[in-house]
């Protein structure tokens, strides 16, 4: 026959073991000496420098897209349309909607 157990005690035992596991993780995460933290920070900074130094430059069309700008060949037109939209003027490009549909290739397609 199966042994009778008290469910309340079993829940408390399970909660205690979970708390002990969480405490162990917290000790490992936060219980480091200042020297260990400095060494880790220096290593992270070194890795960032190495990665930034190995970063490749992008060509003109895609570099503008990375910054959130329009492609270079359409930059002036997009800026004029944005200004016209803010002012409520639709005469900058005839029709704002027509200007947006013919603005040119989207970012990432090369455009040239």
Protein backbone atom coordinates (compact mmCIF):
# COMPACT_ATOMS: atom_id res chain seq x y z
CA UNK A 1 0.00 0.00 0.00
CA UNK A 2 1.17 3.56 -0.71
CA UNK A 3 2.50 5.73 2.05
CA UNK A 4 0.23 8.55 3.18
CA UNK A 5 1.84 11.98 2.90
CA UNK A 6 0.81 15.39 4.08
CA UNK A 7 0.38 17.56 0.91
CA UNK A 8 1.00 20.78 2.82
CA UNK A 9 4.38 19.48 4.00
CA UNK A 10 5.24 18.24 0.52
CA UNK A 11 4.48 21.69 -0.96
CA UNK A 12 6.62 23.39 1.67
CA UNK A 13 9.51 20.96 1.03
CA UNK A 14 9.29 21.56 -2.72
CA UNK A 15 9.23 25.36 -2.16
CA UNK A 16 12.29 25.13 0.11
CA UNK A 17 14.31 23.24 -2.51
CA UNK A 18 13.28 25.76 -5.18
CA UNK A 19 14.31 28.64 -2.89
CA UNK A 20 17.68 26.99 -2.23
CA UNK A 21 18.29 26.62 -5.97
CA UNK A 22 17.38 30.31 -6.53
CA UNK A 23 19.69 31.36 -3.69
CA UNK A 24 22.55 29.37 -5.25
CA UNK A 25 22.00 31.13 -8.58
CA UNK A 26 21.93 34.53 -6.87
CA UNK A 27 25.16 33.78 -5.01
CA UNK A 28 26.85 32.87 -8.27
CA UNK A 29 25.50 35.96 -10.02
CA UNK A 30 25.96 38.61 -7.34
CA UNK A 31 28.52 37.10 -5.01
CA UNK A 32 31.64 38.01 -6.99
CA UNK A 33 34.53 40.07 -5.71
CA UNK A 34 35.32 43.49 -7.12
CA UNK A 35 38.40 42.09 -8.87
CA UNK A 36 36.33 39.40 -10.59
CA UNK A 37 33.80 42.01 -11.74
CA UNK A 38 36.58 44.24 -13.10
CA UNK A 39 38.18 41.34 -14.98
CA UNK A 40 34.83 40.43 -16.53
CA UNK A 41 34.14 44.06 -17.50
CA UNK A 42 37.59 44.37 -19.10
CA UNK A 43 37.05 41.15 -21.07
CA UNK A 44 33.66 42.35 -22.34
CA UNK A 45 35.19 45.69 -23.37
CA UNK A 46 38.01 43.89 -25.21
CA UNK A 47 35.55 41.69 -27.09
CA UNK A 48 33.50 44.77 -28.07
CA UNK A 49 36.62 46.51 -29.39
CA UNK A 50 37.60 43.46 -31.44
CA UNK A 51 34.11 43.16 -32.94
CA UNK A 52 33.88 46.89 -33.72
CA UNK A 53 37.31 46.80 -35.36
CA UNK A 54 36.23 43.92 -37.59
CA UNK A 55 33.00 45.61 -38.68
CA UNK A 56 32.71 46.08 -42.43
CA UNK A 57 31.56 49.32 -44.01
CA UNK A 58 28.41 49.16 -46.12
CA UNK A 59 27.93 50.71 -49.54
CA UNK A 60 26.10 54.04 -49.83
CA UNK A 61 22.52 52.83 -50.38
CA UNK A 62 22.50 50.32 -47.56
CA UNK A 63 24.40 52.57 -45.15
CA UNK A 64 21.60 55.13 -45.39
CA UNK A 65 19.04 52.41 -44.67
CA UNK A 66 20.94 51.32 -41.56
CA UNK A 67 20.57 54.80 -40.11
CA UNK A 68 16.85 54.84 -40.85
CA UNK A 69 17.20 57.39 -43.64
CA UNK A 70 15.86 57.08 -47.13
CA UNK A 71 18.25 55.89 -49.85
CA UNK A 72 20.59 58.70 -50.99
CA UNK A 73 18.96 59.18 -54.39
CA UNK A 74 15.57 59.81 -52.80
CA UNK A 75 16.64 61.59 -49.64
CA UNK A 76 15.80 65.13 -50.73
CA UNK A 77 12.38 64.21 -52.03
CA UNK A 78 11.49 62.28 -48.87
CA UNK A 79 12.63 65.20 -46.72
CA UNK A 80 10.51 67.66 -48.77
CA UNK A 81 7.45 65.42 -48.51
CA UNK A 82 7.91 65.04 -44.76
CA UNK A 83 8.14 68.83 -44.36
CA UNK A 84 5.05 69.30 -46.52
CA UNK A 85 3.13 66.74 -44.49
CA UNK A 86 3.99 68.51 -41.24
CA UNK A 87 2.83 71.83 -42.68
CA UNK A 88 -0.31 70.33 -44.22
CA UNK A 89 0.79 71.47 -47.70
CA UNK A 90 0.22 69.03 -50.56
CA UNK A 91 1.72 71.24 -53.28
CA UNK A 92 5.32 70.20 -52.57
CA UNK A 93 5.09 67.17 -54.83
CA UNK A 94 1.63 67.64 -56.29
CA UNK A 95 0.12 64.95 -54.12
CA UNK A 96 1.76 63.47 -51.07
CA UNK A 97 0.31 60.04 -51.80
CA UNK A 98 1.53 60.08 -55.41
CA UNK A 99 4.97 61.17 -54.26
CA UNK A 100 5.23 58.34 -51.75
CA UNK A 101 4.31 55.65 -54.25
CA UNK A 102 6.98 56.80 -56.71
CA UNK A 103 9.70 57.49 -54.14
CA UNK A 104 12.03 54.82 -55.53
CA UNK A 105 13.39 51.46 -54.50
CA UNK A 106 13.14 50.38 -50.88
CA UNK A 107 16.18 50.01 -48.68
CA UNK A 108 18.24 46.90 -49.19
CA UNK A 109 17.60 46.54 -52.92
CA UNK A 110 20.73 48.38 -53.96
CA UNK A 111 18.91 51.14 -55.81
CA UNK A 112 21.58 51.61 -58.48
